Amino acid sequence: MSQTASRGDFIAVEDRLLVAFELGWEKWRLAFAAAMGQKPWQVVIPARDVLALMEVIGKAKQRFGVAPTCRVFSCYEAGREGFWLHRLLTKMGIVNLVVDSSSIEVDRRARRAKTDRLDAAKLISMLLRYWAGEKDFWSVVHVPTPEQEDGRHLQREIRTLKKEQTRLTNRVKGLLAGQGVAVRIGRGGVRDSLDAIRIWDGSPLPPGLRRRLEIEIARHVAVHRQILELECERDARIRQGQDRATEIARRLKTLRGVAEVGAETYAREFSWRGFQNRRQVGSLVGLTSTHTRAAIRPENAASAEPATDTSAASPSTWPGSGCDSSPKAS
């Protein structure tokens, strides 16, 4: 049913309310509208204040003259807040979209002013266009279930720890290189005893440098131990798990050249997404050169880390290492 809003001389095409979120760490800016061509009503609430959110939505319904039970449509850019807000809005009966921020159109020929007010107004205008029938001008993130999201943390943490291990290895090598020393460092740490290391003039390590090296090596050993523990947990989950992603991982391991790392990554990151073409798969992995509107963007912006990386797609990195792992026959 058409309704006349209380602010402005326009007619809403249907009884509905739209809201766009501009999310900050301390404050959220919400932009409301009910129809195309209407100046949005913007309001600021404390971040993550659910009661304030419900209250301001009720006020917006009164302001625009829509029914208290009208449908509410919302959107926000994928980012630090992740998907908890999407699940909250869905639980409240709101139809929400999580939008890939890199797909939002901008005028590259003009100097772009950027404020929360302008960004919120831009989002609400695009949300109105989306529900008016324009579906292809931005990319909507596919939201995983809580179980799917939680299942990815194990392999992602292993990848994070391996990067940390590499950083610590490079730091130890750099500290020693500053004294004319080159040592071999394996996954377990420095292979030579610090007592046996001599600097460029044949003297022992200076006490300050030795102390710093001991700290870095202890961190390296701790990270290595955590990696081994998590790899064992991952391998046990692949062997014993009963969920769909685990079953896919076990099937992937039967392929030549695919071991625990590749199987777990592809099963957890790919299996729940609805791909429509090869380019969408390439966009997720990072193999496509440019962003396209047709690509299904991963939720890496929402989780502040990549869904996967190109190393997982490289055949040279497929064979994984972990406890109880046997090499594939060539």
Protein backbone atom coordinates (compact mmCIF):
# COMPACT_ATOMS: atom_id res chain seq x y z
CA MET A 1 0.00 0.00 0.00
CA SER A 2 1.31 3.46 -0.90
CA GLN A 3 2.07 5.77 1.98
CA THR A 4 2.82 9.48 2.13
CA ALA A 5 5.88 10.20 4.27
CA SER A 6 5.60 12.83 6.98
CA ARG A 7 8.74 14.64 5.78
CA GLY A 8 8.74 15.76 2.10
CA ASP A 9 6.25 15.59 -0.73
CA PHE A 10 6.97 12.17 -2.19
CA ILE A 11 5.10 8.89 -2.33
CA ALA A 12 6.72 5.63 -1.25
CA VAL A 13 6.09 2.91 -3.80
CA GLU A 14 5.48 0.36 -1.08
CA ASP A 15 5.28 0.16 2.67
CA ARG A 16 8.92 -0.41 3.51
CA LEU A 17 11.93 1.16 5.19
CA LEU A 18 15.55 1.04 4.07
CA VAL A 19 18.59 1.69 6.23
CA ALA A 20 22.31 1.83 5.43
CA PHE A 21 24.97 1.43 8.11
CA GLU A 22 28.26 3.32 8.17
CA LEU A 23 30.11 1.43 10.88
CA GLY A 24 32.77 3.03 13.06
CA TRP A 25 34.57 1.79 16.14
CA GLU A 26 32.83 4.14 18.58
CA LYS A 27 29.80 5.32 16.60
CA TRP A 28 27.51 4.04 13.88
CA ARG A 29 25.85 6.35 11.40
CA LEU A 30 22.52 5.14 10.00
CA ALA A 31 20.85 6.58 6.90
CA PHE A 32 17.12 5.92 6.44
CA ALA A 33 14.88 6.30 3.41
CA ALA A 34 11.61 4.91 2.12
CA ALA A 35 11.67 5.77 -1.60
CA MET A 36 13.85 7.00 -4.44
CA GLY A 37 14.44 10.73 -4.60
CA GLN A 38 14.00 11.26 -0.89
CA LYS A 39 16.60 13.02 1.23
CA PRO A 40 17.87 10.42 3.70
CA TRP A 41 17.41 10.89 7.41
CA GLN A 42 20.69 10.23 9.19
CA VAL A 43 21.26 9.51 12.84
CA VAL A 44 24.27 8.50 14.94
CA ILE A 45 24.11 5.84 17.65
CA PRO A 46 26.76 4.24 19.88
CA ALA A 47 28.52 1.33 18.17
CA ARG A 48 27.14 -2.13 18.93
CA ASP A 49 24.22 -0.71 20.98
CA VAL A 50 21.41 -3.07 20.00
CA LEU A 51 18.75 -1.29 22.08
CA ALA A 52 19.61 2.06 20.50
CA LEU A 53 19.43 0.43 17.08
CA MET A 54 15.95 -0.95 17.69
CA GLU A 55 14.79 2.38 19.07
CA VAL A 56 16.04 4.43 16.12
CA ILE A 57 14.45 2.01 13.63
CA GLY A 58 11.13 2.54 15.39
CA LYS A 59 11.59 6.32 15.20
CA ALA A 60 12.41 6.09 11.51
CA LYS A 61 9.18 4.20 10.83
CA GLN A 62 7.22 6.96 12.52
CA ARG A 63 9.16 9.68 10.72
CA PHE A 64 8.48 8.22 7.28
CA GLY A 65 4.90 7.27 8.02
CA VAL A 66 5.29 3.58 7.31
CA ALA A 67 3.54 0.85 9.24
CA PRO A 68 5.27 -0.46 12.40
CA THR A 69 5.21 -3.93 10.85
CA CYS A 70 6.59 -2.89 7.45
CA ARG A 71 9.53 -4.75 5.95
CA VAL A 72 12.97 -3.31 6.64
CA PHE A 73 15.90 -3.66 4.24
CA SER A 74 19.47 -2.82 5.26
CA CYS A 75 23.08 -3.00 4.12
CA TYR A 76 26.57 -2.36 5.37
CA GLU A 77 30.08 -2.70 3.97
CA ALA A 78 32.05 -5.84 4.80
CA GLY A 79 34.75 -4.98 7.29
CA ARG A 80 35.85 -5.29 10.89
CA GLU A 81 32.39 -6.05 12.27
CA GLY A 82 32.25 -9.29 10.33
CA PHE A 83 28.92 -11.08 10.18
CA TRP A 84 27.51 -10.84 13.70
CA LEU A 85 25.55 -7.72 12.75
CA HIS A 86 24.12 -9.48 9.70
CA ARG A 87 22.93 -12.34 11.90
CA LEU A 88 21.47 -9.92 14.43
CA LEU A 89 19.56 -8.01 11.74
CA THR A 90 18.31 -11.26 10.23
CA LYS A 91 17.10 -12.36 13.65
CA MET A 92 15.24 -9.05 13.94
CA GLY A 93 13.43 -9.84 10.68
CA ILE A 94 15.44 -7.36 8.61
CA VAL A 95 16.58 -8.28 5.09
CA ASN A 96 20.26 -7.38 5.16
CA LEU A 97 23.04 -7.28 2.55
CA VAL A 98 26.76 -7.35 3.30
CA VAL A 99 28.41 -5.44 0.47
CA ASP A 100 31.96 -5.72 -0.82
CA SER A 101 33.35 -2.22 -0.37
CA SER A 102 35.71 -2.53 -3.34
CA SER A 103 32.72 -2.98 -5.67
CA ILE A 104 31.03 0.32 -4.74
CA GLU A 105 31.15 2.67 -7.69
CA VAL A 106 33.03 5.97 -7.43
CA ASP A 107 33.66 8.82 -9.86
CA ARG A 108 37.38 8.55 -10.59
CA ARG A 109 37.46 11.77 -12.61
CA ALA A 110 36.45 13.98 -9.70
CA ARG A 111 38.07 14.69 -6.35
CA ARG A 112 36.25 12.48 -3.91
CA ALA A 113 35.18 13.89 -0.57
CA LYS A 114 34.91 11.15 2.02
CA THR A 115 32.99 11.53 5.26
CA ASP A 116 30.72 9.19 7.18
CA ARG A 117 27.72 11.32 6.21
CA LEU A 118 28.53 11.17 2.50
CA ASP A 119 29.32 7.45 2.66
CA ALA A 120 26.03 6.69 4.41
CA ALA A 121 24.11 8.74 1.85
CA LYS A 122 25.88 6.88 -0.96
CA LEU A 123 25.05 3.50 0.56
CA ILE A 124 21.35 4.27 1.05
CA SER A 125 21.03 5.52 -2.53
CA MET A 126 22.61 2.33 -3.83
CA LEU A 127 20.41 0.20 -1.59
CA LEU A 128 17.35 1.92 -3.05
CA ARG A 129 18.61 1.19 -6.54
CA TYR A 130 19.31 -2.43 -5.65
CA TRP A 131 15.77 -3.10 -4.45
CA ALA A 132 14.42 -1.15 -7.43
CA GLY A 133 15.86 -3.85 -9.67
CA GLU A 134 19.51 -2.89 -10.33
CA LYS A 135 21.29 -5.99 -9.06
CA ASP A 136 24.64 -5.89 -10.87
CA PHE A 137 26.24 -2.60 -9.84
CA TRP A 138 27.85 -3.95 -6.65
CA SER A 139 28.90 -7.31 -5.21
CA VAL A 140 27.08 -8.89 -2.30
CA VAL A 141 29.16 -11.02 0.05
CA HIS A 142 28.04 -14.59 0.63
CA VAL A 143 27.63 -14.93 4.38
CA PRO A 144 28.74 -18.26 5.89
CA THR A 145 26.87 -19.98 8.67
CA PRO A 146 28.39 -19.68 12.16
CA GLU A 147 29.59 -23.29 11.87
CA GLN A 148 31.21 -22.67 8.49
CA GLU A 149 32.88 -19.51 9.73
CA ASP A 150 34.18 -21.21 12.86
CA GLY A 151 35.51 -24.21 10.95
CA ARG A 152 37.93 -22.04 8.97
CA HIS A 153 39.82 -20.69 11.97
CA LEU A 154 42.05 -23.74 12.40
CA GLN A 155 43.74 -23.66 8.99
CA ARG A 156 43.83 -19.87 8.98
CA GLU A 157 45.63 -19.87 12.33
CA ILE A 158 48.17 -22.35 10.99
CA ARG A 159 48.79 -20.05 8.04
CA THR A 160 49.16 -17.05 10.39
CA LEU A 161 51.63 -18.89 12.61
CA LYS A 162 53.71 -19.94 9.62
CA LYS A 163 53.98 -16.33 8.54
CA GLU A 164 55.01 -15.44 12.09
CA GLN A 165 57.61 -18.20 12.02
CA THR A 166 59.05 -16.82 8.79
CA ARG A 167 59.17 -13.33 10.29
CA LEU A 168 61.06 -14.58 13.35
CA THR A 169 63.48 -16.55 11.18
CA ASN A 170 64.27 -13.49 9.10
CA ARG A 171 64.75 -11.38 12.22
CA VAL A 172 67.29 -13.81 13.71
CA LYS A 173 69.14 -14.01 10.40
CA GLY A 174 69.18 -10.22 10.16
CA LEU A 175 70.53 -9.74 13.68
CA LEU A 176 73.34 -12.18 13.04
CA ALA A 177 74.07 -10.82 9.57
CA GLY A 178 74.77 -7.46 11.22
CA GLN A 179 77.74 -9.13 12.90
CA GLY A 180 78.97 -10.97 9.81
CA VAL A 181 77.42 -14.31 10.82
CA ALA A 182 75.33 -16.64 8.67
CA VAL A 183 73.56 -19.55 10.35
CA ARG A 184 71.12 -22.22 9.25
CA ILE A 185 67.67 -21.96 10.79
CA GLY A 186 65.19 -24.80 10.44
CA ARG A 187 61.57 -25.07 11.53
CA GLY A 188 62.80 -25.99 15.00
CA GLY A 189 65.06 -22.95 15.38
CA VAL A 190 68.78 -22.19 15.14
CA ARG A 191 70.74 -25.38 14.51
CA ASP A 192 73.98 -24.08 16.03
CA SER A 193 74.42 -23.30 19.71
CA LEU A 194 74.74 -19.60 20.51
CA ASP A 195 77.86 -20.45 22.54
CA ALA A 196 79.56 -21.72 19.40
CA ILE A 197 78.72 -18.70 17.24
CA ARG A 198 81.53 -16.20 16.64
CA ILE A 199 81.10 -12.78 15.10
CA TRP A 200 83.26 -11.24 12.40
CA ASP A 201 86.38 -10.80 14.61
CA GLY A 202 86.16 -14.23 16.22
CA SER A 203 84.75 -13.02 19.53
CA PRO A 204 81.57 -14.39 21.17
CA LEU A 205 78.20 -12.76 20.70
CA PRO A 206 77.84 -9.46 22.59
CA PRO A 207 75.59 -9.88 25.67
CA GLY A 208 72.87 -7.53 24.43
CA LEU A 209 72.65 -9.25 21.06
CA ARG A 210 72.77 -12.68 22.66
CA ARG A 211 69.88 -11.81 24.97
CA ARG A 212 67.78 -10.57 22.08
CA LEU A 213 68.57 -13.67 20.05
CA GLU A 214 67.54 -15.91 22.96
CA ILE A 215 64.17 -14.15 23.14
CA GLU A 216 63.57 -14.41 19.40
CA ILE A 217 64.63 -18.05 19.28
CA ALA A 218 62.34 -18.88 22.23
CA ARG A 219 59.45 -17.27 20.35
CA HIS A 220 60.39 -19.25 17.25
CA VAL A 221 60.38 -22.52 19.19
CA ALA A 222 57.01 -21.70 20.79
CA VAL A 223 55.46 -20.86 17.42
CA HIS A 224 56.88 -24.05 15.91
CA ARG A 225 55.34 -26.10 18.73
CA GLN A 226 51.96 -24.43 18.21
CA ILE A 227 52.12 -25.15 14.48
CA LEU A 228 52.78 -28.84 15.11
CA GLU A 229 49.91 -29.06 17.60
CA LEU A 230 47.46 -27.37 15.24
CA GLU A 231 48.59 -29.48 12.29
CA CYS A 232 47.96 -32.60 14.32
CA GLU A 233 44.51 -31.29 15.25
CA ARG A 234 43.77 -30.50 11.61
CA ASP A 235 44.89 -33.93 10.40
CA ALA A 236 42.81 -35.64 13.10
CA ARG A 237 39.76 -33.61 12.09
CA ILE A 238 40.19 -34.65 8.47
CA ARG A 239 40.39 -38.30 9.47
CA GLN A 240 37.59 -38.33 12.02
CA GLY A 241 35.25 -35.41 11.23
CA GLN A 242 31.69 -36.06 10.03
CA ASP A 243 30.69 -32.66 8.62
CA ARG A 244 30.37 -31.97 4.89
CA ALA A 245 33.62 -29.96 4.64
CA THR A 246 35.59 -32.79 6.24
CA GLU A 247 34.10 -35.32 3.84
CA ILE A 248 35.14 -33.08 0.92
CA ALA A 249 38.65 -32.77 2.37
CA ARG A 250 38.97 -36.55 2.58
CA ARG A 251 37.88 -36.90 -1.03
CA LEU A 252 40.35 -34.21 -2.13
CA LYS A 253 43.17 -36.08 -0.42
CA THR A 254 42.60 -39.01 -2.74
CA LEU A 255 43.80 -36.82 -5.61
CA ARG A 256 47.47 -36.96 -6.48
CA GLY A 257 49.32 -33.86 -5.31
CA VAL A 258 46.70 -32.79 -2.75
CA ALA A 259 47.52 -33.30 0.92
CA GLU A 260 46.25 -31.89 4.20
CA VAL A 261 46.94 -28.20 3.57
CA GLY A 262 45.26 -28.03 0.18
CA ALA A 263 42.40 -30.34 1.12
CA GLU A 264 41.53 -28.45 4.29
CA THR A 265 41.82 -25.03 2.65
CA TYR A 266 39.70 -25.83 -0.37
CA ALA A 267 37.10 -27.72 1.64
CA ARG A 268 36.64 -24.98 4.24
CA GLU A 269 36.93 -21.97 1.94
CA PHE A 270 35.24 -23.19 -1.25
CA SER A 271 32.69 -25.90 -0.48
CA TRP A 272 29.89 -23.69 0.89
CA ARG A 273 30.00 -20.98 -1.79
CA GLY A 274 27.70 -20.97 -4.80
CA PHE A 275 30.07 -20.38 -7.70
CA GLN A 276 28.52 -19.62 -11.08
CA ASN A 277 31.61 -19.52 -13.29
CA ARG A 278 35.37 -20.04 -13.31
CA ARG A 279 36.14 -16.36 -12.88
CA GLN A 280 34.37 -16.32 -9.53
CA VAL A 281 36.63 -19.14 -8.36
CA GLY A 282 39.68 -17.22 -9.56
CA SER A 283 38.49 -14.09 -7.79
CA LEU A 284 38.30 -15.93 -4.48
CA VAL A 285 41.75 -17.46 -4.80
CA GLY A 286 43.29 -14.23 -6.08
CA LEU A 287 44.29 -15.50 -9.51
CA THR A 288 42.19 -13.02 -11.49
CA SER A 289 44.06 -9.85 -12.36
CA THR A 290 41.24 -7.37 -11.78
CA HIS A 291 37.99 -7.15 -9.87
CA THR A 292 34.85 -7.77 -11.89
CA ARG A 293 31.27 -7.15 -10.98
CA ALA A 294 30.43 -10.76 -11.75
CA ALA A 295 32.94 -12.05 -9.22
CA ILE A 296 31.75 -13.43 -5.93
CA ARG A 297 33.99 -11.62 -3.54
CA PRO A 298 35.31 -13.45 -0.49
CA GLU A 299 34.63 -12.15 2.97
CA ASN A 300 38.25 -11.28 3.51
CA ALA A 301 37.28 -7.70 4.19
CA ALA A 302 34.90 -8.87 6.82
CA SER A 303 37.41 -11.02 8.61
CA ALA A 304 40.41 -8.80 8.10
CA GLU A 305 42.32 -11.62 6.51
CA PRO A 306 42.23 -13.33 3.11
CA ALA A 307 39.89 -16.23 2.61
CA THR A 308 42.81 -18.07 1.06
CA ASP A 309 45.95 -17.14 -0.80
CA THR A 310 47.51 -17.97 -4.14
CA SER A 311 49.99 -20.31 -2.48
CA ALA A 312 47.14 -22.70 -1.75
CA ALA A 313 46.39 -22.78 -5.47
CA SER A 314 49.98 -23.46 -6.40
CA PRO A 315 50.73 -27.15 -7.02
CA SER A 316 54.13 -26.71 -5.35
CA THR A 317 52.45 -26.11 -2.01
CA TRP A 318 49.73 -28.74 -2.11
CA PRO A 319 51.56 -31.51 -0.25
CA GLY A 320 51.03 -30.61 3.40
CA SER A 321 53.13 -31.52 6.38
CA GLY A 322 51.76 -32.50 9.74
CA CYS A 323 51.51 -35.37 12.15
CA ASP A 324 50.63 -38.77 10.74
CA SER A 325 51.02 -37.60 7.13
CA SER A 326 52.23 -39.92 4.45
CA PRO A 327 53.62 -38.69 1.10
CA LYS A 328 51.65 -39.28 -2.06
CA ALA A 329 52.96 -41.81 -4.52
CA SER A 330 54.22 -40.26 -7.70
